[in-house]
Amino acid sequence: MTHTILVVDDQPQISKILNDVLSKNGYKIVLAFNGEVGYQKAQEVKPSLIIMDVMMPILSGFDSARKMKAHPDLMNIPILFLTAKGQDSDREEAESLGAAGFVAKPFSPKAILQMVESILEKRN
């Protein structure tokens, strides 16, 4: 089974890095560039995992995650948060939203791949 991963990030270079490393490893990638579009795409594709930036225009990663967690079809999809800040308050908020993981930018693509594999293994 091919897993679909929704990448929600407003920085094209981050989306490209994630798309490249994950698609090379057999994952189907769907991209969204803000939290509102991410929420809409999550409803369309029902991904196995969502990788979401925290700071984005229109709807932040945390606000988008809150909407997803309130939606019956999306509430059980694991979310891996990315952040440029990495502050404790962000980590605590991510945990309160049931985050599957929390990664500070800049990140190692290899480390992200390992986290994705670990999260998806736990889910199966």
PDB file of N, CA and C in Angstrom:
ATOM      1  N   MET A   1       0.838  -1.196   0.000  1.00  0.00           N
ATOM      2  CA  MET A   1       0.000   0.000   0.000  1.00  0.00           C
ATOM      3  C   MET A   1       0.876   1.252   0.000  1.00  0.00           C
ATOM      4  N   THR A   2       0.567   2.135  -0.898  1.00  0.00           N
ATOM      5  CA  THR A   2       1.312   3.393  -0.946  1.00  0.00           C
ATOM      6  C   THR A   2       0.661   4.396  -0.007  1.00  0.00           C
ATOM      7  N   HIS A   3       1.459   4.959   0.862  1.00  0.00           N
ATOM      8  CA  HIS A   3       0.949   5.973   1.786  1.00  0.00           C
ATOM      9  C   HIS A   3       0.951   7.332   1.106  1.00  0.00           C
ATOM     10  N   THR A   4      -0.109   8.098   1.339  1.00  0.00           N
ATOM     11  CA  THR A   4      -0.176   9.477   0.865  1.00  0.00           C
ATOM     12  C   THR A   4       0.168  10.383   2.032  1.00  0.00           C
ATOM     13  N   ILE A   5       1.070  11.315   1.770  1.00  0.00           N
ATOM     14  CA  ILE A   5       1.478  12.271   2.796  1.00  0.00           C
ATOM     15  C   ILE A   5       1.132  13.671   2.298  1.00  0.00           C
ATOM     16  N   LEU A   6       0.400  14.411   3.118  1.00  0.00           N
ATOM     17  CA  LEU A   6       0.060  15.796   2.815  1.00  0.00           C
ATOM     18  C   LEU A   6       1.115  16.685   3.459  1.00  0.00           C
ATOM     19  N   VAL A   7       1.802  17.479   2.629  1.00  0.00           N
ATOM     20  CA  VAL A   7       2.814  18.423   3.112  1.00  0.00           C
ATOM     21  C   VAL A   7       2.207  19.821   3.023  1.00  0.00           C
ATOM     22  N   VAL A   8       2.084  20.476   4.183  1.00  0.00           N
ATOM     23  CA  VAL A   8       1.493  21.812   4.240  1.00  0.00           C
ATOM     24  C   VAL A   8       2.570  22.784   4.724  1.00  0.00           C
ATOM     25  N   ASP A   9       3.104  23.578   3.794  1.00  0.00           N
ATOM     26  CA  ASP A   9       4.165  24.521   4.132  1.00  0.00           C
ATOM     27  C   ASP A   9       4.147  25.661   3.122  1.00  0.00           C
ATOM     28  N   ASP A  10       4.275  26.895   3.601  1.00  0.00           N
ATOM     29  CA  ASP A  10       4.227  28.050   2.704  1.00  0.00           C
ATOM     30  C   ASP A  10       5.581  28.356   2.057  1.00  0.00           C
ATOM     31  N   GLN A  11       6.614  27.606   2.406  1.00  0.00           N
ATOM     32  CA  GLN A  11       7.938  27.826   1.807  1.00  0.00           C
ATOM     33  C   GLN A  11       8.172  26.784   0.717  1.00  0.00           C
ATOM     34  N   PRO A  12       8.190  27.219  -0.563  1.00  0.00           N
ATOM     35  CA  PRO A  12       8.342  26.252  -1.666  1.00  0.00           C
ATOM     36  C   PRO A  12       9.589  25.380  -1.549  1.00  0.00           C
ATOM     37  N   GLN A  13      10.699  25.934  -1.037  1.00  0.00           N
ATOM     38  CA  GLN A  13      11.919  25.125  -0.958  1.00  0.00           C
ATOM     39  C   GLN A  13      11.778  23.994   0.061  1.00  0.00           C
ATOM     40  N   ILE A  14      11.057  24.240   1.145  1.00  0.00           N
ATOM     41  CA  ILE A  14      10.823  23.179   2.139  1.00  0.00           C
ATOM     42  C   ILE A  14       9.927  22.097   1.528  1.00  0.00           C
ATOM     43  N   SER A  15       8.859  22.542   0.854  1.00  0.00           N
ATOM     44  CA  SER A  15       7.957  21.577   0.208  1.00  0.00           C
ATOM     45  C   SER A  15       8.707  20.728  -0.808  1.00  0.00           C
ATOM     46  N   LYS A  16       9.621  21.365  -1.553  1.00  0.00           N
ATOM     47  CA  LYS A  16      10.387  20.630  -2.574  1.00  0.00           C
ATOM     48  C   LYS A  16      11.292  19.584  -1.921  1.00  0.00           C
ATOM     49  N   ILE A  17      11.984  19.958  -0.854  1.00  0.00           N
ATOM     50  CA  ILE A  17      12.874  19.008  -0.155  1.00  0.00           C
ATOM     51  C   ILE A  17      12.063  17.811   0.342  1.00  0.00           C
ATOM     52  N   LEU A  18      10.939  18.089   1.000  1.00  0.00           N
ATOM     53  CA  LEU A  18      10.105  17.006   1.530  1.00  0.00           C
ATOM     54  C   LEU A  18       9.539  16.156   0.403  1.00  0.00           C
ATOM     55  N   ASN A  19       9.067  16.807  -0.662  1.00  0.00           N
ATOM     56  CA  ASN A  19       8.519  16.073  -1.808  1.00  0.00           C
ATOM     57  C   ASN A  19       9.589  15.157  -2.393  1.00  0.00           C
ATOM     58  N   ASP A  20      10.801  15.685  -2.579  1.00  0.00           N
ATOM     59  CA  ASP A  20      11.877  14.898  -3.190  1.00  0.00           C
ATOM     60  C   ASP A  20      12.238  13.682  -2.344  1.00  0.00           C
ATOM     61  N   VAL A  21      12.501  13.898  -1.052  1.00  0.00           N
ATOM     62  CA  VAL A  21      12.971  12.782  -0.214  1.00  0.00           C
ATOM     63  C   VAL A  21      11.870  11.746  -0.001  1.00  0.00           C
ATOM     64  N   LEU A  22      10.636  12.192   0.164  1.00  0.00           N
ATOM     65  CA  LEU A  22       9.557  11.237   0.443  1.00  0.00           C
ATOM     66  C   LEU A  22       9.095  10.511  -0.818  1.00  0.00           C
ATOM     67  N   SER A  23       8.993  11.223  -1.937  1.00  0.00           N
ATOM     68  CA  SER A  23       8.552  10.546  -3.164  1.00  0.00           C
ATOM     69  C   SER A  23       9.597   9.548  -3.650  1.00  0.00           C
ATOM     70  N   LYS A  24      10.892   9.859  -3.431  1.00  0.00           N
ATOM     71  CA  LYS A  24      11.955   8.908  -3.798  1.00  0.00           C
ATOM     72  C   LYS A  24      11.859   7.620  -2.983  1.00  0.00           C
ATOM     73  N   ASN A  25      11.204   7.718  -1.830  1.00  0.00           N
ATOM     74  CA  ASN A  25      11.065   6.552  -0.959  1.00  0.00           C
ATOM     75  C   ASN A  25       9.681   5.916  -1.058  1.00  0.00           C
ATOM     76  N   GLY A  26       8.966   6.214  -2.137  1.00  0.00           N
ATOM     77  CA  GLY A  26       7.737   5.499  -2.434  1.00  0.00           C
ATOM     78  C   GLY A  26       6.446   6.105  -1.922  1.00  0.00           C
ATOM     79  N   TYR A  27       6.534   7.289  -1.330  1.00  0.00           N
ATOM     80  CA  TYR A  27       5.317   7.924  -0.823  1.00  0.00           C
ATOM     81  C   TYR A  27       4.697   8.813  -1.887  1.00  0.00           C
ATOM     82  N   LYS A  28       3.366   8.882  -1.875  1.00  0.00           N
ATOM     83  CA  LYS A  28       2.652   9.805  -2.752  1.00  0.00           C
ATOM     84  C   LYS A  28       2.507  11.110  -1.973  1.00  0.00           C
ATOM     85  N   ILE A  29       2.914  12.226  -2.591  1.00  0.00           N
ATOM     86  CA  ILE A  29       2.931  13.508  -1.891  1.00  0.00           C
ATOM     87  C   ILE A  29       1.873  14.438  -2.482  1.00  0.00           C
ATOM     88  N   VAL A  30       1.126  15.078  -1.600  1.00  0.00           N
ATOM     89  CA  VAL A  30       0.180  16.126  -1.974  1.00  0.00           C
ATOM     90  C   VAL A  30       0.648  17.379  -1.252  1.00  0.00           C
ATOM     91  N   LEU A  31       0.733  18.500  -1.980  1.00  0.00           N
ATOM     92  CA  LEU A  31       1.240  19.742  -1.402  1.00  0.00           C
ATOM     93  C   LEU A  31       0.124  20.758  -1.197  1.00  0.00           C
ATOM     94  N   ALA A  32       0.244  21.525  -0.110  1.00  0.00           N
ATOM     95  CA  ALA A  32      -0.634  22.670   0.148  1.00  0.00           C
ATOM     96  C   ALA A  32       0.251  23.780   0.711  1.00  0.00           C
ATOM     97  N   PHE A  33      -0.106  25.023   0.396  1.00  0.00           N
ATOM     98  CA  PHE A  33       0.784  26.127   0.756  1.00  0.00           C
ATOM     99  C   PHE A  33       0.272  27.023   1.876  1.00  0.00           C
ATOM    100  N   ASN A  34      -0.867  26.654   2.476  1.00  0.00           N
ATOM    101  CA  ASN A  34      -1.297  27.321   3.712  1.00  0.00           C
ATOM    102  C   ASN A  34      -2.253  26.382   4.444  1.00  0.00           C
ATOM    103  N   GLY A  35      -2.554  26.730   5.678  1.00  0.00           N
ATOM    104  CA  GLY A  35      -3.349  25.838   6.521  1.00  0.00           C
ATOM    105  C   GLY A  35      -4.765  25.611   6.036  1.00  0.00           C
ATOM    106  N   GLU A  36      -5.364  26.621   5.398  1.00  0.00           N
ATOM    107  CA  GLU A  36      -6.735  26.468   4.903  1.00  0.00           C
ATOM    108  C   GLU A  36      -6.778  25.483   3.740  1.00  0.00           C
ATOM    109  N   VAL A  37      -5.854  25.639   2.787  1.00  0.00           N
ATOM    110  CA  VAL A  37      -5.783  24.706   1.655  1.00  0.00           C
ATOM    111  C   VAL A  37      -5.407  23.314   2.168  1.00  0.00           C
ATOM    112  N   GLY A  38      -4.547  23.264   3.171  1.00  0.00           N
ATOM    113  CA  GLY A  38      -4.178  21.978   3.766  1.00  0.00           C
ATOM    114  C   GLY A  38      -5.385  21.259   4.341  1.00  0.00           C
ATOM    115  N   TYR A  39      -6.240  22.011   5.015  1.00  0.00           N
ATOM    116  CA  TYR A  39      -7.462  21.432   5.590  1.00  0.00           C
ATOM    117  C   TYR A  39      -8.357  20.886   4.477  1.00  0.00           C
ATOM    118  N   GLN A  40      -8.513  21.662   3.402  1.00  0.00           N
ATOM    119  CA  GLN A  40      -9.351  21.227   2.282  1.00  0.00           C
ATOM    120  C   GLN A  40      -8.775  19.975   1.609  1.00  0.00           C
ATOM    121  N   LYS A  41      -7.457  19.979   1.389  1.00  0.00           N
ATOM    122  CA  LYS A  41      -6.827  18.826   0.721  1.00  0.00           C
ATOM    123  C   LYS A  41      -6.884  17.586   1.612  1.00  0.00           C
ATOM    124  N   ALA A  42      -6.770  17.775   2.923  1.00  0.00           N
ATOM    125  CA  ALA A  42      -6.857  16.632   3.848  1.00  0.00           C
ATOM    126  C   ALA A  42      -8.218  15.955   3.701  1.00  0.00           C
ATOM    127  N   GLN A  43      -9.269  16.756   3.550  1.00  0.00           N
ATOM    128  CA  GLN A  43     -10.612  16.181   3.374  1.00  0.00           C
ATOM    129  C   GLN A  43     -10.722  15.435   2.044  1.00  0.00           C
ATOM    130  N   GLU A  44     -10.061  15.952   0.999  1.00  0.00           N
ATOM    131  CA  GLU A  44     -10.124  15.329  -0.327  1.00  0.00           C
ATOM    132  C   GLU A  44      -9.366  14.009  -0.370  1.00  0.00           C
ATOM    133  N   VAL A  45      -8.124  14.003   0.149  1.00  0.00           N
ATOM    134  CA  VAL A  45      -7.251  12.841  -0.076  1.00  0.00           C
ATOM    135  C   VAL A  45      -7.144  11.896   1.113  1.00  0.00           C
ATOM    136  N   LYS A  46      -7.592  12.305   2.308  1.00  0.00           N
ATOM    137  CA  LYS A  46      -7.489  11.468   3.520  1.00  0.00           C
ATOM    138  C   LYS A  46      -6.087  10.849   3.628  1.00  0.00           C
ATOM    139  N   PRO A  47      -5.056  11.696   3.807  1.00  0.00           N
ATOM    140  CA  PRO A  47      -3.682  11.183   3.822  1.00  0.00           C
ATOM    141  C   PRO A  47      -3.403  10.274   5.015  1.00  0.00           C
ATOM    142  N   SER A  48      -2.329   9.488   4.896  1.00  0.00           N
ATOM    143  CA  SER A  48      -1.882   8.634   6.007  1.00  0.00           C
ATOM    144  C   SER A  48      -1.181   9.462   7.069  1.00  0.00           C
ATOM    145  N   LEU A  49      -0.613  10.609   6.646  1.00  0.00           N
ATOM    146  CA  LEU A  49       0.174  11.465   7.535  1.00  0.00           C
ATOM    147  C   LEU A  49       0.136  12.879   6.980  1.00  0.00           C
ATOM    148  N   ILE A  50       0.172  13.857   7.886  1.00  0.00           N
ATOM    149  CA  ILE A  50       0.266  15.266   7.493  1.00  0.00           C
ATOM    150  C   ILE A  50       1.534  15.835   8.099  1.00  0.00           C
ATOM    151  N   ILE A  51       2.351  16.459   7.263  1.00  0.00           N
ATOM    152  CA  ILE A  51       3.523  17.202   7.737  1.00  0.00           C
ATOM    153  C   ILE A  51       3.164  18.672   7.574  1.00  0.00           C
ATOM    154  N   MET A  52       3.124  19.408   8.686  1.00  0.00           N
ATOM    155  CA  MET A  52       2.590  20.768   8.652  1.00  0.00           C
ATOM    156  C   MET A  52       3.491  21.775   9.334  1.00  0.00           C
ATOM    157  N   ASP A  53       3.745  22.859   8.604  1.00  0.00           N
ATOM    158  CA  ASP A  53       4.467  23.993   9.158  1.00  0.00           C
ATOM    159  C   ASP A  53       3.566  24.673  10.191  1.00  0.00           C
ATOM    160  N   VAL A  54       4.163  25.281  11.202  1.00  0.00           N
ATOM    161  CA  VAL A  54       3.384  25.972  12.224  1.00  0.00           C
ATOM    162  C   VAL A  54       3.007  27.378  11.757  1.00  0.00           C
ATOM    163  N   MET A  55       3.990  28.131  11.270  1.00  0.00           N
ATOM    164  CA  MET A  55       3.746  29.531  10.896  1.00  0.00           C
ATOM    165  C   MET A  55       3.464  29.639   9.401  1.00  0.00           C
ATOM    166  N   MET A  56       2.189  29.932   9.078  1.00  0.00           N
ATOM    167  CA  MET A  56       1.777  30.097   7.682  1.00  0.00           C
ATOM    168  C   MET A  56       0.731  31.199   7.601  1.00  0.00           C
ATOM    169  N   PRO A  57       0.610  31.798   6.409  1.00  0.00           N
ATOM    170  CA  PRO A  57      -0.446  32.802   6.232  1.00  0.00           C
ATOM    171  C   PRO A  57      -1.823  32.144   6.153  1.00  0.00           C
ATOM    172  N   ILE A  58      -2.852  32.930   6.294  1.00  0.00           N
ATOM    173  CA  ILE A  58      -4.262  32.561   6.197  1.00  0.00           C
ATOM    174  C   ILE A  58      -4.702  31.731   7.398  1.00  0.00           C
ATOM    175  N   LEU A  59      -4.101  30.550   7.570  1.00  0.00           N
ATOM    176  CA  LEU A  59      -4.454  29.701   8.706  1.00  0.00           C
ATOM    177  C   LEU A  59      -3.164  29.028   9.176  1.00  0.00           C
ATOM    178  N   SER A  60      -2.800  29.234  10.437  1.00  0.00           N
ATOM    179  CA  SER A  60      -1.556  28.636  10.953  1.00  0.00           C
ATOM    180  C   SER A  60      -1.676  27.114  11.007  1.00  0.00           C
ATOM    181  N   GLY A  61      -0.542  26.458  11.151  1.00  0.00           N
ATOM    182  CA  GLY A  61      -0.539  25.008  11.282  1.00  0.00           C
ATOM    183  C   GLY A  61      -1.337  24.540  12.483  1.00  0.00           C
ATOM    184  N   PHE A  62      -1.218  25.267  13.591  1.00  0.00           N
ATOM    185  CA  PHE A  62      -1.960  24.870  14.788  1.00  0.00           C
ATOM    186  C   PHE A  62      -3.466  25.044  14.578  1.00  0.00           C
ATOM    187  N   ASP A  63      -3.868  26.163  13.954  1.00  0.00           N
ATOM    188  CA  ASP A  63      -5.297  26.394  13.717  1.00  0.00           C
ATOM    189  C   ASP A  63      -5.868  25.364  12.730  1.00  0.00           C
ATOM    190  N   SER A  64      -5.078  25.053  11.714  1.00  0.00           N
ATOM    191  CA  SER A  64      -5.496  24.035  10.749  1.00  0.00           C
ATOM    192  C   SER A  64      -5.643  22.676  11.447  1.00  0.00           C
ATOM    193  N   ALA A  65      -4.684  22.349  12.305  1.00  0.00           N
ATOM    194  CA  ALA A  65      -4.727  21.077  13.038  1.00  0.00           C
ATOM    195  C   ALA A  65      -5.959  21.016  13.939  1.00  0.00           C
ATOM    196  N   ARG A  66      -6.308  22.137  14.571  1.00  0.00           N
ATOM    197  CA  ARG A  66      -7.506  22.162  15.423  1.00  0.00           C
ATOM    198  C   ARG A  66      -8.750  21.823  14.596  1.00  0.00           C
ATOM    199  N   LYS A  67      -8.841  22.404  13.382  1.00  0.00           N
ATOM    200  CA  LYS A  67      -9.989  22.113  12.513  1.00  0.00           C
ATOM    201  C   LYS A  67      -9.991  20.630  12.123  1.00  0.00           C
ATOM    202  N   MET A  68      -8.807  20.091  11.837  1.00  0.00           N
ATOM    203  CA  MET A  68      -8.721  18.679  11.443  1.00  0.00           C
ATOM    204  C   MET A  68      -9.117  17.764  12.592  1.00  0.00           C
ATOM    205  N   LYS A  69      -8.654  18.090  13.792  1.00  0.00           N
ATOM    206  CA  LYS A  69      -8.948  17.240  14.950  1.00  0.00           C
ATOM    207  C   LYS A  69     -10.434  17.279  15.308  1.00  0.00           C
ATOM    208  N   ALA A  70     -11.141  18.332  14.855  1.00  0.00           N
ATOM    209  CA  ALA A  70     -12.579  18.443  15.113  1.00  0.00           C
ATOM    210  C   ALA A  70     -13.408  17.774  14.012  1.00  0.00           C
ATOM    211  N   HIS A  71     -12.756  17.314  12.952  1.00  0.00           N
ATOM    212  CA  HIS A  71     -13.454  16.710  11.811  1.00  0.00           C
ATOM    213  C   HIS A  71     -13.391  15.189  11.954  1.00  0.00           C
ATOM    214  N   PRO A  72     -14.553  14.507  11.943  1.00  0.00           N
ATOM    215  CA  PRO A  72     -14.554  13.053  12.200  1.00  0.00           C
ATOM    216  C   PRO A  72     -13.697  12.236  11.226  1.00  0.00           C
ATOM    217  N   ASP A  73     -13.588  12.679   9.966  1.00  0.00           N
ATOM    218  CA  ASP A  73     -12.796  11.916   8.990  1.00  0.00           C
ATOM    219  C   ASP A  73     -11.301  12.188   9.101  1.00  0.00           C
ATOM    220  N   LEU A  74     -10.931  13.253   9.805  1.00  0.00           N
ATOM    221  CA  LEU A  74      -9.516  13.664   9.846  1.00  0.00           C
ATOM    222  C   LEU A  74      -8.892  13.529  11.232  1.00  0.00           C
ATOM    223  N   MET A  75      -9.716  13.362  12.253  1.00  0.00           N
ATOM    224  CA  MET A  75      -9.216  13.459  13.638  1.00  0.00           C
ATOM    225  C   MET A  75      -8.127  12.445  13.991  1.00  0.00           C
ATOM    226  N   ASN A  76      -8.070  11.312  13.283  1.00  0.00           N
ATOM    227  CA  ASN A  76      -7.077  10.291  13.627  1.00  0.00           C
ATOM    228  C   ASN A  76      -5.842  10.285  12.734  1.00  0.00           C
ATOM    229  N   ILE A  77      -5.740  11.260  11.839  1.00  0.00           N
ATOM    230  CA  ILE A  77      -4.557  11.326  10.977  1.00  0.00           C
ATOM    231  C   ILE A  77      -3.412  11.953  11.767  1.00  0.00           C
ATOM    232  N   PRO A  78      -2.262  11.264  11.850  1.00  0.00           N
ATOM    233  CA  PRO A  78      -1.142  11.834  12.601  1.00  0.00           C
ATOM    234  C   PRO A  78      -0.593  13.087  11.910  1.00  0.00           C
ATOM    235  N   ILE A  79      -0.176  14.058  12.734  1.00  0.00           N
ATOM    236  CA  ILE A  79       0.398  15.306  12.226  1.00  0.00           C
ATOM    237  C   ILE A  79       1.802  15.469  12.790  1.00  0.00           C
ATOM    238  N   LEU A  80       2.740  15.698  11.877  1.00  0.00           N
ATOM    239  CA  LEU A  80       4.133  15.992  12.231  1.00  0.00           C
ATOM    240  C   LEU A  80       4.328  17.481  11.976  1.00  0.00           C
ATOM    241  N   PHE A  81       4.600  18.248  13.028  1.00  0.00           N
ATOM    242  CA  PHE A  81       4.754  19.694  12.881  1.00  0.00           C
ATOM    243  C   PHE A  81       6.194  20.082  12.592  1.00  0.00           C
ATOM    244  N   LEU A  82       6.347  21.079  11.715  1.00  0.00           N
ATOM    245  CA  LEU A  82       7.645  21.699  11.445  1.00  0.00           C
ATOM    246  C   LEU A  82       7.575  23.131  11.941  1.00  0.00           C
ATOM    247  N   THR A  83       8.651  23.624  12.530  1.00  0.00           N
ATOM    248  CA  THR A  83       8.641  25.022  12.950  1.00  0.00           C
ATOM    249  C   THR A  83      10.023  25.630  12.828  1.00  0.00           C
ATOM    250  N   ALA A  84      10.035  26.916  12.501  1.00  0.00           N
ATOM    251  CA  ALA A  84      11.290  27.652  12.439  1.00  0.00           C
ATOM    252  C   ALA A  84      11.690  28.121  13.831  1.00  0.00           C
ATOM    253  N   LYS A  85      10.729  28.141  14.759  1.00  0.00           N
ATOM    254  CA  LYS A  85      11.008  28.700  16.083  1.00  0.00           C
ATOM    255  C   LYS A  85      11.510  27.662  17.079  1.00  0.00           C
ATOM    256  N   GLY A  86      10.820  26.549  17.165  1.00  0.00           N
ATOM    257  CA  GLY A  86      11.242  25.496  18.086  1.00  0.00           C
ATOM    258  C   GLY A  86      11.146  25.866  19.554  1.00  0.00           C
ATOM    259  N   GLN A  87      10.295  26.827  19.888  1.00  0.00           N
ATOM    260  CA  GLN A  87      10.147  27.242  21.279  1.00  0.00           C
ATOM    261  C   GLN A  87       9.342  26.207  22.061  1.00  0.00           C
ATOM    262  N   ASP A  88       9.565  26.196  23.373  1.00  0.00           N
ATOM    263  CA  ASP A  88       8.843  25.246  24.219  1.00  0.00           C
ATOM    264  C   ASP A  88       7.334  25.424  24.110  1.00  0.00           C
ATOM    265  N   SER A  89       6.875  26.683  23.990  1.00  0.00           N
ATOM    266  CA  SER A  89       5.429  26.921  23.918  1.00  0.00           C
ATOM    267  C   SER A  89       4.842  26.274  22.662  1.00  0.00           C
ATOM    268  N   ASP A  90       5.598  26.311  21.556  1.00  0.00           N
ATOM    269  CA  ASP A  90       5.136  25.665  20.322  1.00  0.00           C
ATOM    270  C   ASP A  90       5.096  24.150  20.502  1.00  0.00           C
ATOM    271  N   ARG A  91       6.128  23.620  21.126  1.00  0.00           N
ATOM    272  CA  ARG A  91       6.183  22.181  21.357  1.00  0.00           C
ATOM    273  C   ARG A  91       5.003  21.749  22.241  1.00  0.00           C
ATOM    274  N   GLU A  92       4.721  22.527  23.272  1.00  0.00           N
ATOM    275  CA  GLU A  92       3.607  22.208  24.175  1.00  0.00           C
ATOM    276  C   GLU A  92       2.275  22.274  23.438  1.00  0.00           C
ATOM    277  N   GLU A  93       2.116  23.290  22.571  1.00  0.00           N
ATOM    278  CA  GLU A  93       0.865  23.401  21.815  1.00  0.00           C
ATOM    279  C   GLU A  93       0.717  22.218  20.862  1.00  0.00           C
ATOM    280  N   ALA A  94       1.827  21.842  20.208  1.00  0.00           N
ATOM    281  CA  ALA A  94       1.801  20.693  19.299  1.00  0.00           C
ATOM    282  C   ALA A  94       1.382  19.434  20.061  1.00  0.00           C
ATOM    283  N   GLU A  95       1.947  19.252  21.246  1.00  0.00           N
ATOM    284  CA  GLU A  95       1.601  18.075  22.061  1.00  0.00           C
ATOM    285  C   GLU A  95       0.139  18.103  22.480  1.00  0.00           C
ATOM    286  N   SER A  96      -0.372  19.296  22.800  1.00  0.00           N
ATOM    287  CA  SER A  96      -1.780  19.406  23.220  1.00  0.00           C
ATOM    288  C   SER A  96      -2.718  19.044  22.073  1.00  0.00           C
ATOM    289  N   LEU A  97      -2.230  19.196  20.826  1.00  0.00           N
ATOM    290  CA  LEU A  97      -3.026  18.836  19.649  1.00  0.00           C
ATOM    291  C   LEU A  97      -2.788  17.379  19.235  1.00  0.00           C
ATOM    292  N   GLY A  98      -2.042  16.638  20.050  1.00  0.00           N
ATOM    293  CA  GLY A  98      -1.813  15.228  19.751  1.00  0.00           C
ATOM    294  C   GLY A  98      -0.809  14.998  18.636  1.00  0.00           C
ATOM    295  N   ALA A  99       0.156  15.905  18.522  1.00  0.00           N
ATOM    296  CA  ALA A  99       1.143  15.795  17.447  1.00  0.00           C
ATOM    297  C   ALA A  99       1.879  14.466  17.486  1.00  0.00           C
ATOM    298  N   ALA A 100       2.102  13.905  16.301  1.00  0.00           N
ATOM    299  CA  ALA A 100       2.889  12.674  16.191  1.00  0.00           C
ATOM    300  C   ALA A 100       4.372  12.974  16.285  1.00  0.00           C
ATOM    301  N   GLY A 101       4.739  14.231  16.075  1.00  0.00           N
ATOM    302  CA  GLY A 101       6.137  14.641  16.147  1.00  0.00           C
ATOM    303  C   GLY A 101       6.256  16.138  15.962  1.00  0.00           C
ATOM    304  N   PHE A 102       7.456  16.649  16.268  1.00  0.00           N
ATOM    305  CA  PHE A 102       7.714  18.078  16.232  1.00  0.00           C
ATOM    306  C   PHE A 102       9.159  18.266  15.804  1.00  0.00           C
ATOM    307  N   VAL A 103       9.392  18.966  14.701  1.00  0.00           N
ATOM    308  CA  VAL A 103      10.743  19.104  14.154  1.00  0.00           C
ATOM    309  C   VAL A 103      11.056  20.577  13.927  1.00  0.00           C
ATOM    310  N   ALA A 104      12.213  21.021  14.411  1.00  0.00           N
ATOM    311  CA  ALA A 104      12.649  22.396  14.180  1.00  0.00           C
ATOM    312  C   ALA A 104      13.374  22.497  12.840  1.00  0.00           C
ATOM    313  N   LYS A 105      13.129  23.587  12.130  1.00  0.00           N
ATOM    314  CA  LYS A 105      13.857  23.874  10.886  1.00  0.00           C
ATOM    315  C   LYS A 105      15.141  24.599  11.273  1.00  0.00           C
ATOM    316  N   PRO A 106      16.227  24.433  10.558  1.00  0.00           N
ATOM    317  CA  PRO A 106      16.372  23.506   9.438  1.00  0.00           C
ATOM    318  C   PRO A 106      16.446  22.069   9.944  1.00  0.00           C
ATOM    319  N   PHE A 107      16.004  21.140   9.114  1.00  0.00           N
ATOM    320  CA  PHE A 107      15.958  19.738   9.518  1.00  0.00           C
ATOM    321  C   PHE A 107      16.758  18.901   8.536  1.00  0.00           C
ATOM    322  N   SER A 108      17.074  17.692   8.959  1.00  0.00           N
ATOM    323  CA  SER A 108      17.751  16.738   8.094  1.00  0.00           C
ATOM    324  C   SER A 108      16.680  15.947   7.346  1.00  0.00           C
ATOM    325  N   PRO A 109      16.708  15.945   5.997  1.00  0.00           N
ATOM    326  CA  PRO A 109      15.729  15.155   5.252  1.00  0.00           C
ATOM    327  C   PRO A 109      15.728  13.684   5.671  1.00  0.00           C
ATOM    328  N   LYS A 110      16.915  13.165   5.986  1.00  0.00           N
ATOM    329  CA  LYS A 110      17.008  11.763   6.409  1.00  0.00           C
ATOM    330  C   LYS A 110      16.279  11.560   7.745  1.00  0.00           C
ATOM    331  N   ALA A 111      16.418  12.514   8.656  1.00  0.00           N
ATOM    332  CA  ALA A 111      15.743  12.422   9.957  1.00  0.00           C
ATOM    333  C   ALA A 111      14.226  12.495   9.783  1.00  0.00           C
ATOM    334  N   ILE A 112      13.770  13.356   8.871  1.00  0.00           N
ATOM    335  CA  ILE A 112      12.325  13.445   8.597  1.00  0.00           C
ATOM    336  C   ILE A 112      11.823  12.107   8.048  1.00  0.00           C
ATOM    337  N   LEU A 113      12.562  11.533   7.108  1.00  0.00           N
ATOM    338  CA  LEU A 113      12.169  10.245   6.522  1.00  0.00           C
ATOM    339  C   LEU A 113      12.059   9.178   7.613  1.00  0.00           C
ATOM    340  N   GLN A 114      13.025   9.138   8.520  1.00  0.00           N
ATOM    341  CA  GLN A 114      12.983   8.154   9.614  1.00  0.00           C
ATOM    342  C   GLN A 114      11.762   8.377  10.512  1.00  0.00           C
ATOM    343  N   MET A 115      11.456   9.652  10.795  1.00  0.00           N
ATOM    344  CA  MET A 115      10.286   9.954  11.632  1.00  0.00           C
ATOM    345  C   MET A 115       9.002   9.514  10.931  1.00  0.00           C
ATOM    346  N   VAL A 116       8.911   9.819   9.627  1.00  0.00           N
ATOM    347  CA  VAL A 116       7.726   9.444   8.846  1.00  0.00           C
ATOM    348  C   VAL A 116       7.536   7.927   8.887  1.00  0.00           C
ATOM    349  N   GLU A 117       8.620   7.190   8.650  1.00  0.00           N
ATOM    350  CA  GLU A 117       8.529   5.722   8.654  1.00  0.00           C
ATOM    351  C   GLU A 117       8.100   5.207  10.019  1.00  0.00           C
ATOM    352  N   SER A 118       8.641   5.798  11.068  1.00  0.00           N
ATOM    353  CA  SER A 118       8.305   5.379  12.421  1.00  0.00           C
ATOM    354  C   SER A 118       6.828   5.662  12.735  1.00  0.00           C
ATOM    355  N   ILE A 119       6.350   6.844  12.380  1.00  0.00           N
ATOM    356  CA  ILE A 119       4.954   7.207  12.633  1.00  0.00           C
ATOM    357  C   ILE A 119       4.014   6.274  11.878  1.00  0.00           C
ATOM    358  N   LEU A 120       4.328   6.007  10.616  1.00  0.00           N
ATOM    359  CA  LEU A 120       3.454   5.160   9.801  1.00  0.00           C
ATOM    360  C   LEU A 120       3.491   3.702  10.260  1.00  0.00           C
ATOM    361  N   GLU A 121       4.655   3.236  10.744  1.00  0.00           N
ATOM    362  CA  GLU A 121       4.725   1.869  11.286  1.00  0.00           C
ATOM    363  C   GLU A 121       3.828   1.730  12.511  1.00  0.00           C
ATOM    364  N   LYS A 122       3.848   2.736  13.395  1.00  0.00           N
ATOM    365  CA  LYS A 122       3.022   2.704  14.599  1.00  0.00           C
ATOM    366  C   LYS A 122       1.542   2.714  14.234  1.00  0.00           C
ATOM    367  N   ARG A 123       1.222   3.392  13.134  1.00  0.00           N
ATOM    368  CA  ARG A 123      -0.185   3.547  12.741  1.00  0.00           C
ATOM    369  C   ARG A 123      -0.750   2.245  12.187  1.00  0.00           C
ATOM    370  N   ASN A 124       0.101   1.428  11.563  1.00  0.00           N
ATOM    371  CA  ASN A 124      -0.385   0.190  10.919  1.00  0.00           C
ATOM    372  C   ASN A 124      -0.634  -0.919  11.925  1.00  0.00           C
TER     373      ASN A 124
END
